[in-house]
Amino acid sequence: MFPENQAFKIKFRASYAFNNDYATYPSGKYYRPSKYPLLGLNYESGLKGIFGSDVNYSRISLDLTKSDIKLGLIGSSTFWLGAGKFLNTNNLYFADYKHFIGTQTLGYTARVNSFLYLEYYNFSTTDQYLEGHFEHNFSGFLFNKLPLLRKLKLNELAGFNYLGTPATKTYSEFYFGIKYLNFRALYGWSYLNGKKADFGFRIATGL
């Protein structure tokens, strides 16, 4: 299915926190969670000729992320934004493409930069791309107003995912659901270039 090849790659990541607030105790220095996003710079390159490597490409990307953004009584938000571009694609194979975290099963692993309905490899690219994820946790803002549901201590979730590449144009997802501890039950829809592509339930559990 895939041509036989050898690959020697280097990957580099640097991150920058805009605010390094910390507290000093007798036992040491402890950094506090920043109220600003974390900026990341990534570089990946396949080096041809080293240990018989066949690949020759390079890709650079940026990401900006922040979790648990407090919004008072209406809960908290989390977002992840990423953009990248292949600087050269002189020689690479499908395994070297940029792949995105998709889901095509009922169960999924909850990650801030994952998609709920994206096909695993149909959107992989060797070009530029833009990716965005946003989720809001209402922290019981709605359910706490209903006596019967208040005792369950459920959190309401709503979110949006986006992917754009030159080949696929625009892909987006919208979803809502509930969360109890590490259990999630969601329902949503996906759209490809404005047309409905998929829909359904997704369930996640975690330890």
C-alpha atoms as a PDB file:
ATOM      1  CA  MET A   1       0.000   0.000   0.000  1.00  0.00           C
ATOM      2  CA  PHE A   2       2.897   2.349   0.772  1.00  0.00           C
ATOM      3  CA  PRO A   3       6.274   2.446  -0.996  1.00  0.00           C
ATOM      4  CA  GLU A   4       9.141   1.158   1.108  1.00  0.00           C
ATOM      5  CA  ASN A   5      11.275   4.036   2.360  1.00  0.00           C
ATOM      6  CA  GLN A   6      13.632   5.138   5.091  1.00  0.00           C
ATOM      7  CA  ALA A   7      13.247   8.396   7.004  1.00  0.00           C
ATOM      8  CA  PHE A   8      15.569  10.338   9.261  1.00  0.00           C
ATOM      9  CA  LYS A   9      13.808  13.327  10.807  1.00  0.00           C
ATOM     10  CA  ILE A  10      14.523  16.075  13.285  1.00  0.00           C
ATOM     11  CA  LYS A  11      11.811  17.838  15.269  1.00  0.00           C
ATOM     12  CA  PHE A  12      12.160  21.030  17.259  1.00  0.00           C
ATOM     13  CA  ARG A  13       9.663  22.753  19.536  1.00  0.00           C
ATOM     14  CA  ALA A  14       9.997  25.950  21.513  1.00  0.00           C
ATOM     15  CA  SER A  15       7.274  27.489  23.660  1.00  0.00           C
ATOM     16  CA  TYR A  16       6.878  30.878  25.264  1.00  0.00           C
ATOM     17  CA  ALA A  17       4.680  31.792  28.215  1.00  0.00           C
ATOM     18  CA  PHE A  18       3.781  35.475  28.193  1.00  0.00           C
ATOM     19  CA  ASN A  19       3.601  35.605  31.966  1.00  0.00           C
ATOM     20  CA  ASN A  20       5.857  33.577  34.245  1.00  0.00           C
ATOM     21  CA  ASP A  21       4.283  34.343  37.600  1.00  0.00           C
ATOM     22  CA  TYR A  22       5.628  32.257  40.457  1.00  0.00           C
ATOM     23  CA  ALA A  23       5.603  31.971  44.220  1.00  0.00           C
ATOM     24  CA  THR A  24       8.691  31.317  46.328  1.00  0.00           C
ATOM     25  CA  TYR A  25       8.503  28.982  49.297  1.00  0.00           C
ATOM     26  CA  PRO A  26      11.223  27.555  51.549  1.00  0.00           C
ATOM     27  CA  SER A  27      11.009  24.329  49.518  1.00  0.00           C
ATOM     28  CA  GLY A  28      11.545  26.087  46.202  1.00  0.00           C
ATOM     29  CA  LYS A  29      10.025  28.162  43.395  1.00  0.00           C
ATOM     30  CA  TYR A  30       6.654  27.170  41.971  1.00  0.00           C
ATOM     31  CA  TYR A  31       5.175  28.624  38.808  1.00  0.00           C
ATOM     32  CA  ARG A  32       1.526  29.620  38.889  1.00  0.00           C
ATOM     33  CA  PRO A  33      -0.828  29.026  35.963  1.00  0.00           C
ATOM     34  CA  SER A  34      -0.544  31.913  33.523  1.00  0.00           C
ATOM     35  CA  LYS A  35      -3.586  33.978  32.604  1.00  0.00           C
ATOM     36  CA  TYR A  36      -2.124  34.393  29.114  1.00  0.00           C
ATOM     37  CA  PRO A  37      -1.962  31.860  26.240  1.00  0.00           C
ATOM     38  CA  LEU A  38       1.044  29.658  25.551  1.00  0.00           C
ATOM     39  CA  LEU A  39       2.743  30.202  22.188  1.00  0.00           C
ATOM     40  CA  GLY A  40       4.501  27.302  20.499  1.00  0.00           C
ATOM     41  CA  LEU A  41       6.850  27.150  17.494  1.00  0.00           C
ATOM     42  CA  ASN A  42       7.434  23.808  15.772  1.00  0.00           C
ATOM     43  CA  TYR A  43       9.839  22.772  13.044  1.00  0.00           C
ATOM     44  CA  GLU A  44      10.149  19.358  11.410  1.00  0.00           C
ATOM     45  CA  SER A  45      12.553  18.312   8.693  1.00  0.00           C
ATOM     46  CA  GLY A  46      13.305  15.110   6.845  1.00  0.00           C
ATOM     47  CA  LEU A  47      17.004  14.846   5.998  1.00  0.00           C
ATOM     48  CA  LYS A  48      17.876  12.855   2.911  1.00  0.00           C
ATOM     49  CA  GLY A  49      20.983  10.677   2.824  1.00  0.00           C
ATOM     50  CA  ILE A  50      21.490  10.343   6.588  1.00  0.00           C
ATOM     51  CA  PHE A  51      21.378   6.626   7.544  1.00  0.00           C
ATOM     52  CA  GLY A  52      19.874   5.936   4.127  1.00  0.00           C
ATOM     53  CA  SER A  53      16.999   8.381   4.556  1.00  0.00           C
ATOM     54  CA  ASP A  54      14.867   8.955   1.445  1.00  0.00           C
ATOM     55  CA  VAL A  55      12.859  11.964   2.606  1.00  0.00           C
ATOM     56  CA  ASN A  56      13.596  15.615   1.947  1.00  0.00           C
ATOM     57  CA  TYR A  57      11.043  18.087   3.288  1.00  0.00           C
ATOM     58  CA  SER A  58      10.511  20.706   5.988  1.00  0.00           C
ATOM     59  CA  ARG A  59       7.466  22.059   7.796  1.00  0.00           C
ATOM     60  CA  ILE A  60       7.009  24.941  10.228  1.00  0.00           C
ATOM     61  CA  SER A  61       3.984  25.640  12.428  1.00  0.00           C
ATOM     62  CA  LEU A  62       2.747  27.877  15.225  1.00  0.00           C
ATOM     63  CA  ASP A  63       0.156  27.146  17.888  1.00  0.00           C
ATOM     64  CA  LEU A  64      -1.518  29.257  20.536  1.00  0.00           C
ATOM     65  CA  THR A  65      -3.451  27.657  23.377  1.00  0.00           C
ATOM     66  CA  LYS A  66      -5.084  28.474  26.686  1.00  0.00           C
ATOM     67  CA  SER A  67      -7.214  26.316  28.947  1.00  0.00           C
ATOM     68  CA  ASP A  68      -9.545  27.104  31.821  1.00  0.00           C
ATOM     69  CA  ILE A  69     -10.226  30.746  30.944  1.00  0.00           C
ATOM     70  CA  LYS A  70     -12.480  31.819  33.817  1.00  0.00           C
ATOM     71  CA  LEU A  71     -15.650  33.664  32.813  1.00  0.00           C
ATOM     72  CA  GLY A  72     -17.288  34.013  36.199  1.00  0.00           C
ATOM     73  CA  LEU A  73     -20.696  32.422  36.729  1.00  0.00           C
ATOM     74  CA  ILE A  74     -20.975  31.159  33.152  1.00  0.00           C
ATOM     75  CA  GLY A  75     -18.003  28.803  33.405  1.00  0.00           C
ATOM     76  CA  SER A  76     -14.689  28.604  31.586  1.00  0.00           C
ATOM     77  CA  SER A  77     -13.336  28.271  28.047  1.00  0.00           C
ATOM     78  CA  THR A  78     -10.465  26.512  26.318  1.00  0.00           C
ATOM     79  CA  PHE A  79      -9.024  27.179  22.862  1.00  0.00           C
ATOM     80  CA  TRP A  80      -6.273  25.914  20.576  1.00  0.00           C
ATOM     81  CA  LEU A  81      -5.208  27.643  17.354  1.00  0.00           C
ATOM     82  CA  GLY A  82      -2.645  26.301  14.931  1.00  0.00           C
ATOM     83  CA  ALA A  83      -1.246  27.190  11.523  1.00  0.00           C
ATOM     84  CA  GLY A  84       1.481  25.567   9.498  1.00  0.00           C
ATOM     85  CA  LYS A  85       3.131  25.357   6.102  1.00  0.00           C
ATOM     86  CA  PHE A  86       5.484  23.014   4.286  1.00  0.00           C
ATOM     87  CA  LEU A  87       8.552  25.002   3.247  1.00  0.00           C
ATOM     88  CA  ASN A  88       9.637  22.326   0.788  1.00  0.00           C
ATOM     89  CA  THR A  89       8.262  18.972  -0.353  1.00  0.00           C
ATOM     90  CA  ASN A  90      11.148  17.724  -2.465  1.00  0.00           C
ATOM     91  CA  ASN A  91      10.604  14.109  -1.469  1.00  0.00           C
ATOM     92  CA  LEU A  92       8.160  12.780   1.107  1.00  0.00           C
ATOM     93  CA  TYR A  93       5.720   9.933   1.631  1.00  0.00           C
ATOM     94  CA  PHE A  94       2.241   9.710   3.075  1.00  0.00           C
ATOM     95  CA  ALA A  95       3.550   9.117   6.590  1.00  0.00           C
ATOM     96  CA  ASP A  96       5.314  12.501   6.375  1.00  0.00           C
ATOM     97  CA  TYR A  97       2.137  14.483   5.569  1.00  0.00           C
ATOM     98  CA  LYS A  98       0.539  16.696   8.195  1.00  0.00           C
ATOM     99  CA  HIS A  99      -2.178  14.546   9.762  1.00  0.00           C
ATOM    100  CA  PHE A 100      -4.970  15.788  12.008  1.00  0.00           C
ATOM    101  CA  ILE A 101      -6.575  14.071  14.999  1.00  0.00           C
ATOM    102  CA  GLY A 102      -9.853  12.717  13.662  1.00  0.00           C
ATOM    103  CA  THR A 103     -12.574  10.418  14.998  1.00  0.00           C
ATOM    104  CA  GLN A 104     -14.828   7.948  13.166  1.00  0.00           C
ATOM    105  CA  THR A 105     -16.009   5.849  16.124  1.00  0.00           C
ATOM    106  CA  LEU A 106     -18.484   6.376  18.948  1.00  0.00           C
ATOM    107  CA  GLY A 107     -15.721   6.547  21.531  1.00  0.00           C
ATOM    108  CA  TYR A 108     -12.972   9.131  21.340  1.00  0.00           C
ATOM    109  CA  THR A 109     -10.125  10.567  23.398  1.00  0.00           C
ATOM    110  CA  ALA A 110     -10.867  14.077  24.619  1.00  0.00           C
ATOM    111  CA  ARG A 111      -8.071  16.395  23.437  1.00  0.00           C
ATOM    112  CA  VAL A 112      -8.224  20.109  22.960  1.00  0.00           C
ATOM    113  CA  ASN A 113      -6.951  19.859  19.357  1.00  0.00           C
ATOM    114  CA  SER A 114      -8.996  16.869  18.184  1.00  0.00           C
ATOM    115  CA  PHE A 115     -11.956  16.604  15.813  1.00  0.00           C
ATOM    116  CA  LEU A 116     -15.128  14.618  16.494  1.00  0.00           C
ATOM    117  CA  TYR A 117     -16.118  13.617  12.943  1.00  0.00           C
ATOM    118  CA  LEU A 118     -13.051  14.187  10.779  1.00  0.00           C
ATOM    119  CA  GLU A 119     -12.013  11.216   8.641  1.00  0.00           C
ATOM    120  CA  TYR A 120      -8.597  10.036   9.760  1.00  0.00           C
ATOM    121  CA  TYR A 121      -6.478  10.667   6.662  1.00  0.00           C
ATOM    122  CA  ASN A 122      -8.638  12.202   3.908  1.00  0.00           C
ATOM    123  CA  PHE A 123      -7.686  15.707   5.042  1.00  0.00           C
ATOM    124  CA  SER A 124      -3.946  15.113   5.443  1.00  0.00           C
ATOM    125  CA  THR A 125      -1.929  17.705   3.566  1.00  0.00           C
ATOM    126  CA  THR A 126       1.476  18.726   2.222  1.00  0.00           C
ATOM    127  CA  ASP A 127       0.423  22.354   1.937  1.00  0.00           C
ATOM    128  CA  GLN A 128      -0.470  25.151   4.317  1.00  0.00           C
ATOM    129  CA  TYR A 129      -3.252  24.709   6.866  1.00  0.00           C
ATOM    130  CA  LEU A 130      -5.192  26.520   9.562  1.00  0.00           C
ATOM    131  CA  GLU A 131      -6.756  24.713  12.503  1.00  0.00           C
ATOM    132  CA  GLY A 132      -8.894  25.999  15.384  1.00  0.00           C
ATOM    133  CA  HIS A 133     -10.680  24.490  18.389  1.00  0.00           C
ATOM    134  CA  PHE A 134     -12.872  26.138  21.008  1.00  0.00           C
ATOM    135  CA  GLU A 135     -14.827  24.641  23.886  1.00  0.00           C
ATOM    136  CA  HIS A 136     -16.850  26.231  26.665  1.00  0.00           C
ATOM    137  CA  ASN A 137     -17.770  24.516  29.911  1.00  0.00           C
ATOM    138  CA  PHE A 138     -20.807  26.184  31.490  1.00  0.00           C
ATOM    139  CA  SER A 139     -19.984  24.523  34.845  1.00  0.00           C
ATOM    140  CA  GLY A 140     -23.616  23.817  35.674  1.00  0.00           C
ATOM    141  CA  PHE A 141     -24.836  27.330  34.880  1.00  0.00           C
ATOM    142  CA  LEU A 142     -27.967  25.932  33.213  1.00  0.00           C
ATOM    143  CA  PHE A 143     -28.516  22.636  35.048  1.00  0.00           C
ATOM    144  CA  ASN A 144     -28.114  24.214  38.489  1.00  0.00           C
ATOM    145  CA  LYS A 145     -31.327  26.135  37.874  1.00  0.00           C
ATOM    146  CA  LEU A 146     -33.285  22.859  37.586  1.00  0.00           C
ATOM    147  CA  PRO A 147     -33.864  21.165  40.977  1.00  0.00           C
ATOM    148  CA  LEU A 148     -33.812  17.584  39.675  1.00  0.00           C
ATOM    149  CA  LEU A 149     -30.664  18.027  37.587  1.00  0.00           C
ATOM    150  CA  ARG A 150     -28.787  20.128  40.128  1.00  0.00           C
ATOM    151  CA  LYS A 151     -28.054  17.083  42.296  1.00  0.00           C
ATOM    152  CA  LEU A 152     -26.347  15.293  39.418  1.00  0.00           C
ATOM    153  CA  LYS A 153     -23.604  17.977  39.236  1.00  0.00           C
ATOM    154  CA  LEU A 154     -23.432  17.886  35.457  1.00  0.00           C
ATOM    155  CA  ASN A 155     -21.492  20.374  33.366  1.00  0.00           C
ATOM    156  CA  GLU A 156     -22.830  21.618  30.041  1.00  0.00           C
ATOM    157  CA  LEU A 157     -20.387  21.699  27.116  1.00  0.00           C
ATOM    158  CA  ALA A 158     -20.486  23.428  23.737  1.00  0.00           C
ATOM    159  CA  GLY A 159     -17.732  23.669  21.167  1.00  0.00           C
ATOM    160  CA  PHE A 160     -16.510  24.384  17.659  1.00  0.00           C
ATOM    161  CA  ASN A 161     -13.717  22.911  15.517  1.00  0.00           C
ATOM    162  CA  TYR A 162     -12.352  24.258  12.235  1.00  0.00           C
ATOM    163  CA  LEU A 163      -9.873  23.111   9.589  1.00  0.00           C
ATOM    164  CA  GLY A 164      -8.861  24.867   6.415  1.00  0.00           C
ATOM    165  CA  THR A 165      -6.491  23.643   3.673  1.00  0.00           C
ATOM    166  CA  PRO A 166      -6.181  24.638  -0.005  1.00  0.00           C
ATOM    167  CA  ALA A 167      -7.533  21.229  -1.081  1.00  0.00           C
ATOM    168  CA  THR A 168     -10.528  20.927   1.259  1.00  0.00           C
ATOM    169  CA  LYS A 169     -11.305  24.642   1.713  1.00  0.00           C
ATOM    170  CA  THR A 170     -13.326  24.759   4.956  1.00  0.00           C
ATOM    171  CA  TYR A 171     -14.325  21.991   7.351  1.00  0.00           C
ATOM    172  CA  SER A 172     -16.163  22.778  10.591  1.00  0.00           C
ATOM    173  CA  GLU A 173     -17.841  21.030  13.515  1.00  0.00           C
ATOM    174  CA  PHE A 174     -20.354  22.178  16.112  1.00  0.00           C
ATOM    175  CA  TYR A 175     -21.280  20.165  19.194  1.00  0.00           C
ATOM    176  CA  PHE A 176     -22.909  20.275  22.607  1.00  0.00           C
ATOM    177  CA  GLY A 177     -23.192  17.812  25.475  1.00  0.00           C
ATOM    178  CA  ILE A 178     -22.630  17.038  29.120  1.00  0.00           C
ATOM    179  CA  LYS A 179     -19.652  16.225  31.301  1.00  0.00           C
ATOM    180  CA  TYR A 180     -19.533  14.415  34.629  1.00  0.00           C
ATOM    181  CA  LEU A 181     -16.067  14.085  36.132  1.00  0.00           C
ATOM    182  CA  ASN A 182     -14.069  12.583  33.210  1.00  0.00           C
ATOM    183  CA  PHE A 183     -17.086  11.225  31.330  1.00  0.00           C
ATOM    184  CA  ARG A 184     -18.359  13.128  28.287  1.00  0.00           C
ATOM    185  CA  ALA A 185     -21.397  12.571  26.073  1.00  0.00           C
ATOM    186  CA  LEU A 186     -21.636  14.861  23.036  1.00  0.00           C
ATOM    187  CA  TYR A 187     -23.784  15.313  19.953  1.00  0.00           C
ATOM    188  CA  GLY A 188     -22.748  17.393  16.976  1.00  0.00           C
ATOM    189  CA  TRP A 189     -22.583  18.059  13.249  1.00  0.00           C
ATOM    190  CA  SER A 190     -19.792  18.536  10.732  1.00  0.00           C
ATOM    191  CA  TYR A 191     -19.841  20.588   7.533  1.00  0.00           C
ATOM    192  CA  LEU A 192     -17.558  20.490   4.499  1.00  0.00           C
ATOM    193  CA  ASN A 193     -17.648  23.665   2.406  1.00  0.00           C
ATOM    194  CA  GLY A 194     -21.040  24.561   3.861  1.00  0.00           C
ATOM    195  CA  LYS A 195     -22.662  21.158   3.264  1.00  0.00           C
ATOM    196  CA  LYS A 196     -23.483  18.748   6.080  1.00  0.00           C
ATOM    197  CA  ALA A 197     -20.911  15.936   6.138  1.00  0.00           C
ATOM    198  CA  ASP A 198     -21.595  13.909   9.289  1.00  0.00           C
ATOM    199  CA  PHE A 199     -23.383  13.968  12.634  1.00  0.00           C
ATOM    200  CA  GLY A 200     -23.906  11.801  15.706  1.00  0.00           C
ATOM    201  CA  PHE A 201     -22.960  11.032  19.285  1.00  0.00           C
ATOM    202  CA  ARG A 202     -19.466  10.827  20.733  1.00  0.00           C
ATOM    203  CA  ILE A 203     -18.520   9.476  24.159  1.00  0.00           C
ATOM    204  CA  ALA A 204     -15.248   9.927  26.023  1.00  0.00           C
ATOM    205  CA  THR A 205     -14.041   8.498  29.304  1.00  0.00           C
ATOM    206  CA  GLY A 206     -10.776   9.141  31.066  1.00  0.00           C
ATOM    207  CA  LEU A 207      -8.945   8.341  34.279  1.00  0.00           C
END
